[in-house]
C-alpha cells in the first residue's frame, strides 16, 4: 500500500470542523431551533483555550459543556467560539478554538463527531513543549451580559434526562471516527 501524501485524514477533520463552525454560527445568529442542543467536549489546556483559573483547576484535562437553555455572548469566528455560561451559579466567559474541540454531539437527532486534537496527549500528560503553546488563563473576566430572553442555557454536566437519553440510543451509528480511515 502506498503512503498517503495527500493526508486525507487531516482534510476530513478540517471539513468536519467546518460543519461544527457553520452550525454554531447559525445558532449564534438565530438561536437553537426546535429541540436541538449541543454537548461539546474540548481539551482545556489546548493552545488558544481561554477559561478561568477556577474552571481550569476543576477541569484539568477535558471539559464538556452543554449549550441548551441559557447562554450569552455567543460569538463564532472562523477559528473558534466564545460563550458565556454559568457554572455553580457563577458566570464565566469561555473562548474555545475549534482546534481544541474533541467531540460535538446533538442528542436531539443523534448526530455526533469526534476529533483528534493536536497536542491533546501532551496536554493530558502536562508535558507541553513550550510556554507559547500553553492556554491563556483568565483571572478576571468582564461581567457577562444577562441572557437574552430567547437564549438557551448551557451547563457543565448533563442532566439525568440527557444521560438517560444518551444511554438509550446507540450514537455510534452516526458518529464519524477518523480512525476507521487510517492505515493500521
Foldseek 3Di string as FASTA:
>chain_A
DDDPPVPVLVVVQLVVLVVVLVVLQVCVVPNDPDQWKKKWKFFCWFFAKEWAPVVCVVRVGMFIKIFFAWKDPWDGDPFWIWIWAAEPNDIIIITDGSLGIQKMATLVVLAMEGDDRVCSVCSVVVNDDDPNGTYDHDHDDDDTDGTDPRGGHMYGDDDPVVVVSPVVDDSVVRYDDSVVVDDD
